[in-house]
Amino acid sequence: MPTHGSLTKAGKVRAQTPKIEPQPRTHLSPKRRTKANYIKRVVHAPRDDRRGGDRRQRF
């Protein structure tokens, strides 16, 4: 079975590439953002708003 390229060249490009430090993250990850939105909207919601913000009660 032929190989794609010579095995003597394996890993050389990555070893020659200079190491760059990662940039600090400025935004929350999607999982943390979703949890923060849940806490803000559901857990700390006002009492009269808990049954649905835009729904009217019909008699």
PDB file of N, CA and C in Angstrom:
ATOM      1  N   MET A   1       0.828  -1.176   0.000  1.00  0.00           N
ATOM      2  CA  MET A   1       0.000   0.000   0.000  1.00  0.00           C
ATOM      3  C   MET A   1       0.876   1.243   0.000  1.00  0.00           C
ATOM      4  N   PRO A   2       0.721   2.117  -0.970  1.00  0.00           N
ATOM      5  CA  PRO A   2       1.584   3.308  -1.001  1.00  0.00           C
ATOM      6  C   PRO A   2       1.162   4.309   0.069  1.00  0.00           C
ATOM      7  N   THR A   3       2.137   5.091   0.516  1.00  0.00           N
ATOM      8  CA  THR A   3       1.864   6.125   1.525  1.00  0.00           C
ATOM      9  C   THR A   3       1.752   7.482   0.846  1.00  0.00           C
ATOM     10  N   HIS A   4       1.160   8.414   1.525  1.00  0.00           N
ATOM     11  CA  HIS A   4       1.033   9.783   1.014  1.00  0.00           C
ATOM     12  C   HIS A   4       2.204  10.590   1.544  1.00  0.00           C
ATOM     13  N   GLY A   5       3.306  10.537   0.886  1.00  0.00           N
ATOM     14  CA  GLY A   5       4.485  11.276   1.314  1.00  0.00           C
ATOM     15  C   GLY A   5       5.465  10.381   2.054  1.00  0.00           C
ATOM     16  N   SER A   6       6.646  10.841   2.169  1.00  0.00           N
ATOM     17  CA  SER A   6       7.714  10.072   2.800  1.00  0.00           C
ATOM     18  C   SER A   6       7.595  10.150   4.316  1.00  0.00           C
ATOM     19  N   LEU A   7       7.889   9.034   4.995  1.00  0.00           N
ATOM     20  CA  LEU A   7       7.820   9.024   6.455  1.00  0.00           C
ATOM     21  C   LEU A   7       9.002   9.740   7.089  1.00  0.00           C
ATOM     22  N   THR A   8      10.041  10.004   6.326  1.00  0.00           N
ATOM     23  CA  THR A   8      11.176  10.738   6.890  1.00  0.00           C
ATOM     24  C   THR A   8      10.844  12.206   7.095  1.00  0.00           C
ATOM     25  N   LYS A   9       9.797  12.708   6.415  1.00  0.00           N
ATOM     26  CA  LYS A   9       9.401  14.112   6.562  1.00  0.00           C
ATOM     27  C   LYS A   9       8.273  14.298   7.590  1.00  0.00           C
ATOM     28  N   ALA A  10       7.875  13.258   8.250  1.00  0.00           N
ATOM     29  CA  ALA A  10       6.720  13.337   9.147  1.00  0.00           C
ATOM     30  C   ALA A  10       7.024  14.240  10.342  1.00  0.00           C
ATOM     31  N   GLY A  11       6.158  15.212  10.622  1.00  0.00           N
ATOM     32  CA  GLY A  11       6.264  16.067  11.792  1.00  0.00           C
ATOM     33  C   GLY A  11       7.233  17.220  11.672  1.00  0.00           C
ATOM     34  N   LYS A  12       7.884  17.378  10.534  1.00  0.00           N
ATOM     35  CA  LYS A  12       8.899  18.436  10.432  1.00  0.00           C
ATOM     36  C   LYS A  12       8.272  19.831  10.378  1.00  0.00           C
ATOM     37  N   VAL A  13       7.176  19.980   9.680  1.00  0.00           N
ATOM     38  CA  VAL A  13       6.579  21.316   9.524  1.00  0.00           C
ATOM     39  C   VAL A  13       6.065  21.821  10.863  1.00  0.00           C
ATOM     40  N   ARG A  14       5.402  20.961  11.623  1.00  0.00           N
ATOM     41  CA  ARG A  14       4.881  21.392  12.914  1.00  0.00           C
ATOM     42  C   ARG A  14       6.012  21.732  13.878  1.00  0.00           C
ATOM     43  N   ALA A  15       7.101  20.997  13.821  1.00  0.00           N
ATOM     44  CA  ALA A  15       8.228  21.274  14.713  1.00  0.00           C
ATOM     45  C   ALA A  15       8.889  22.604  14.372  1.00  0.00           C
ATOM     46  N   GLN A  16       8.856  23.012  13.104  1.00  0.00           N
ATOM     47  CA  GLN A  16       9.496  24.258  12.703  1.00  0.00           C
ATOM     48  C   GLN A  16       8.612  25.481  12.896  1.00  0.00           C
ATOM     49  N   THR A  17       7.322  25.284  13.117  1.00  0.00           N
ATOM     50  CA  THR A  17       6.406  26.403  13.266  1.00  0.00           C
ATOM     51  C   THR A  17       6.592  27.041  14.639  1.00  0.00           C
ATOM     52  N   PRO A  18       6.707  28.370  14.719  1.00  0.00           N
ATOM     53  CA  PRO A  18       6.884  28.999  16.031  1.00  0.00           C
ATOM     54  C   PRO A  18       5.621  28.886  16.889  1.00  0.00           C
ATOM     55  N   LYS A  19       5.840  28.737  18.169  1.00  0.00           N
ATOM     56  CA  LYS A  19       4.737  28.594  19.112  1.00  0.00           C
ATOM     57  C   LYS A  19       4.136  29.968  19.394  1.00  0.00           C
ATOM     58  N   ILE A  20       2.825  30.082  19.276  1.00  0.00           N
ATOM     59  CA  ILE A  20       2.118  31.332  19.543  1.00  0.00           C
ATOM     60  C   ILE A  20       1.189  31.093  20.727  1.00  0.00           C
ATOM     61  N   GLU A  21       1.263  31.947  21.722  1.00  0.00           N
ATOM     62  CA  GLU A  21       0.410  31.803  22.902  1.00  0.00           C
ATOM     63  C   GLU A  21      -1.040  32.110  22.540  1.00  0.00           C
ATOM     64  N   PRO A  22      -1.992  31.375  23.099  1.00  0.00           N
ATOM     65  CA  PRO A  22      -3.398  31.646  22.774  1.00  0.00           C
ATOM     66  C   PRO A  22      -3.857  32.976  23.351  1.00  0.00           C
ATOM     67  N   GLN A  23      -4.781  33.615  22.641  1.00  0.00           N
ATOM     68  CA  GLN A  23      -5.361  34.871  23.103  1.00  0.00           C
ATOM     69  C   GLN A  23      -6.362  34.573  24.224  1.00  0.00           C
ATOM     70  N   PRO A  24      -6.482  35.445  25.212  1.00  0.00           N
ATOM     71  CA  PRO A  24      -7.494  35.211  26.252  1.00  0.00           C
ATOM     72  C   PRO A  24      -8.898  35.344  25.677  1.00  0.00           C
ATOM     73  N   ARG A  25      -9.798  34.515  26.160  1.00  0.00           N
ATOM     74  CA  ARG A  25     -11.171  34.535  25.661  1.00  0.00           C
ATOM     75  C   ARG A  25     -11.915  35.732  26.228  1.00  0.00           C
ATOM     76  N   THR A  26     -12.693  36.380  25.358  1.00  0.00           N
ATOM     77  CA  THR A  26     -13.428  37.553  25.814  1.00  0.00           C
ATOM     78  C   THR A  26     -14.916  37.250  26.010  1.00  0.00           C
ATOM     79  N   HIS A  27     -15.423  36.187  25.388  1.00  0.00           N
ATOM     80  CA  HIS A  27     -16.836  35.857  25.499  1.00  0.00           C
ATOM     81  C   HIS A  27     -17.000  34.556  26.270  1.00  0.00           C
ATOM     82  N   LEU A  28     -18.187  34.362  26.831  1.00  0.00           N
ATOM     83  CA  LEU A  28     -18.490  33.106  27.504  1.00  0.00           C
ATOM     84  C   LEU A  28     -18.683  32.012  26.470  1.00  0.00           C
ATOM     85  N   SER A  29     -18.387  30.780  26.871  1.00  0.00           N
ATOM     86  CA  SER A  29     -18.665  29.660  25.991  1.00  0.00           C
ATOM     87  C   SER A  29     -20.185  29.502  25.891  1.00  0.00           C
ATOM     88  N   PRO A  30     -20.692  28.870  24.830  1.00  0.00           N
ATOM     89  CA  PRO A  30     -22.151  28.761  24.661  1.00  0.00           C
ATOM     90  C   PRO A  30     -22.851  28.100  25.843  1.00  0.00           C
ATOM     91  N   LYS A  31     -22.236  27.106  26.452  1.00  0.00           N
ATOM     92  CA  LYS A  31     -22.863  26.424  27.595  1.00  0.00           C
ATOM     93  C   LYS A  31     -22.989  27.376  28.785  1.00  0.00           C
ATOM     94  N   ARG A  32     -21.960  28.140  29.076  1.00  0.00           N
ATOM     95  CA  ARG A  32     -22.025  29.077  30.193  1.00  0.00           C
ATOM     96  C   ARG A  32     -22.959  30.232  29.904  1.00  0.00           C
ATOM     97  N   ARG A  33     -23.014  30.681  28.630  1.00  0.00           N
ATOM     98  CA  ARG A  33     -23.920  31.764  28.259  1.00  0.00           C
ATOM     99  C   ARG A  33     -25.370  31.327  28.420  1.00  0.00           C
ATOM    100  N   THR A  34     -25.687  30.081  28.020  1.00  0.00           N
ATOM    101  CA  THR A  34     -27.044  29.566  28.160  1.00  0.00           C
ATOM    102  C   THR A  34     -27.442  29.470  29.628  1.00  0.00           C
ATOM    103  N   LYS A  35     -26.523  29.000  30.470  1.00  0.00           N
ATOM    104  CA  LYS A  35     -26.824  28.891  31.899  1.00  0.00           C
ATOM    105  C   LYS A  35     -27.025  30.268  32.526  1.00  0.00           C
ATOM    106  N   ALA A  36     -26.205  31.239  32.121  1.00  0.00           N
ATOM    107  CA  ALA A  36     -26.354  32.592  32.659  1.00  0.00           C
ATOM    108  C   ALA A  36     -27.687  33.197  32.242  1.00  0.00           C
ATOM    109  N   ASN A  37     -28.113  32.964  30.986  1.00  0.00           N
ATOM    110  CA  ASN A  37     -29.408  33.465  30.536  1.00  0.00           C
ATOM    111  C   ASN A  37     -30.541  32.807  31.308  1.00  0.00           C
ATOM    112  N   TYR A  38     -30.437  31.513  31.578  1.00  0.00           N
ATOM    113  CA  TYR A  38     -31.463  30.801  32.346  1.00  0.00           C
ATOM    114  C   TYR A  38     -31.588  31.386  33.745  1.00  0.00           C
ATOM    115  N   ILE A  39     -30.455  31.612  34.394  1.00  0.00           N
ATOM    116  CA  ILE A  39     -30.484  32.154  35.757  1.00  0.00           C
ATOM    117  C   ILE A  39     -31.088  33.551  35.748  1.00  0.00           C
ATOM    118  N   LYS A  40     -30.724  34.355  34.746  1.00  0.00           N
ATOM    119  CA  LYS A  40     -31.228  35.724  34.672  1.00  0.00           C
ATOM    120  C   LYS A  40     -32.724  35.759  34.383  1.00  0.00           C
ATOM    121  N   ARG A  41     -33.191  34.893  33.472  1.00  0.00           N
ATOM    122  CA  ARG A  41     -34.588  34.953  33.028  1.00  0.00           C
ATOM    123  C   ARG A  41     -35.544  34.162  33.900  1.00  0.00           C
ATOM    124  N   VAL A  42     -35.107  33.022  34.429  1.00  0.00           N
ATOM    125  CA  VAL A  42     -36.021  32.128  35.130  1.00  0.00           C
ATOM    126  C   VAL A  42     -35.836  32.190  36.641  1.00  0.00           C
ATOM    127  N   VAL A  43     -34.608  32.058  37.104  1.00  0.00           N
ATOM    128  CA  VAL A  43     -34.367  31.972  38.538  1.00  0.00           C
ATOM    129  C   VAL A  43     -34.609  33.314  39.218  1.00  0.00           C
ATOM    130  N   HIS A  44     -34.113  34.398  38.618  1.00  0.00           N
ATOM    131  CA  HIS A  44     -34.242  35.716  39.235  1.00  0.00           C
ATOM    132  C   HIS A  44     -35.366  36.544  38.626  1.00  0.00           C
ATOM    133  N   ALA A  45     -36.342  35.887  38.028  1.00  0.00           N
ATOM    134  CA  ALA A  45     -37.462  36.612  37.423  1.00  0.00           C
ATOM    135  C   ALA A  45     -38.388  37.123  38.514  1.00  0.00           C
ATOM    136  N   PRO A  46     -39.078  38.229  38.282  1.00  0.00           N
ATOM    137  CA  PRO A  46     -40.069  38.700  39.256  1.00  0.00           C
ATOM    138  C   PRO A  46     -41.202  37.687  39.402  1.00  0.00           C
ATOM    139  N   ARG A  47     -41.868  37.710  40.540  1.00  0.00           N
ATOM    140  CA  ARG A  47     -42.903  36.716  40.838  1.00  0.00           C
ATOM    141  C   ARG A  47     -44.057  36.753  39.840  1.00  0.00           C
ATOM    142  N   ASP A  48     -44.540  37.944  39.468  1.00  0.00           N
ATOM    143  CA  ASP A  48     -45.702  38.030  38.589  1.00  0.00           C
ATOM    144  C   ASP A  48     -45.342  37.708  37.137  1.00  0.00           C
ATOM    145  N   ASP A  49     -44.060  37.623  36.829  1.00  0.00           N
ATOM    146  CA  ASP A  49     -43.628  37.376  35.459  1.00  0.00           C
ATOM    147  C   ASP A  49     -43.333  35.896  35.211  1.00  0.00           C
ATOM    148  N   ARG A  50     -43.489  35.062  36.212  1.00  0.00           N
ATOM    149  CA  ARG A  50     -43.053  33.673  36.070  1.00  0.00           C
ATOM    150  C   ARG A  50     -43.986  32.823  35.231  1.00  0.00           C
ATOM    151  N   ARG A  51     -45.233  33.243  35.024  1.00  0.00           N
ATOM    152  CA  ARG A  51     -46.130  32.402  34.248  1.00  0.00           C
ATOM    153  C   ARG A  51     -46.029  32.672  32.755  1.00  0.00           C
ATOM    154  N   GLY A  52     -45.123  33.500  32.347  1.00  0.00           N
ATOM    155  CA  GLY A  52     -44.930  33.791  30.933  1.00  0.00           C
ATOM    156  C   GLY A  52     -45.004  35.286  30.730  1.00  0.00           C
ATOM    157  N   GLY A  53     -43.960  35.878  30.223  1.00  0.00           N
ATOM    158  CA  GLY A  53     -43.881  37.327  30.162  1.00  0.00           C
ATOM    159  C   GLY A  53     -44.899  37.987  29.275  1.00  0.00           C
ATOM    160  N   ASP A  54     -45.149  37.450  28.085  1.00  0.00           N
ATOM    161  CA  ASP A  54     -46.006  38.167  27.159  1.00  0.00           C
ATOM    162  C   ASP A  54     -47.416  37.544  27.033  1.00  0.00           C
ATOM    163  N   ARG A  55     -47.711  36.556  27.861  1.00  0.00           N
ATOM    164  CA  ARG A  55     -49.043  35.948  27.791  1.00  0.00           C
ATOM    165  C   ARG A  55     -50.013  36.659  28.715  1.00  0.00           C
ATOM    166  N   ARG A  56     -51.240  36.849  28.243  1.00  0.00           N
ATOM    167  CA  ARG A  56     -52.265  37.473  29.077  1.00  0.00           C
ATOM    168  C   ARG A  56     -53.107  36.403  29.743  1.00  0.00           C
ATOM    169  N   GLN A  57     -53.582  36.697  30.921  1.00  0.00           N
ATOM    170  CA  GLN A  57     -54.482  35.757  31.586  1.00  0.00           C
ATOM    171  C   GLN A  57     -55.898  36.033  31.110  1.00  0.00           C
ATOM    172  N   ARG A  58     -56.570  35.003  30.627  1.00  0.00           N
ATOM    173  CA  ARG A  58     -57.917  35.169  30.106  1.00  0.00           C
ATOM    174  C   ARG A  58     -58.923  34.581  31.091  1.00  0.00           C
ATOM    175  N   PHE A  59     -60.023  35.302  31.279  1.00  0.00           N
ATOM    176  CA  PHE A  59     -61.059  34.856  32.234  1.00  0.00           C
ATOM    177  C   PHE A  59     -62.224  34.215  31.508  1.00  0.00           C
TER     178      PHE A  59
END
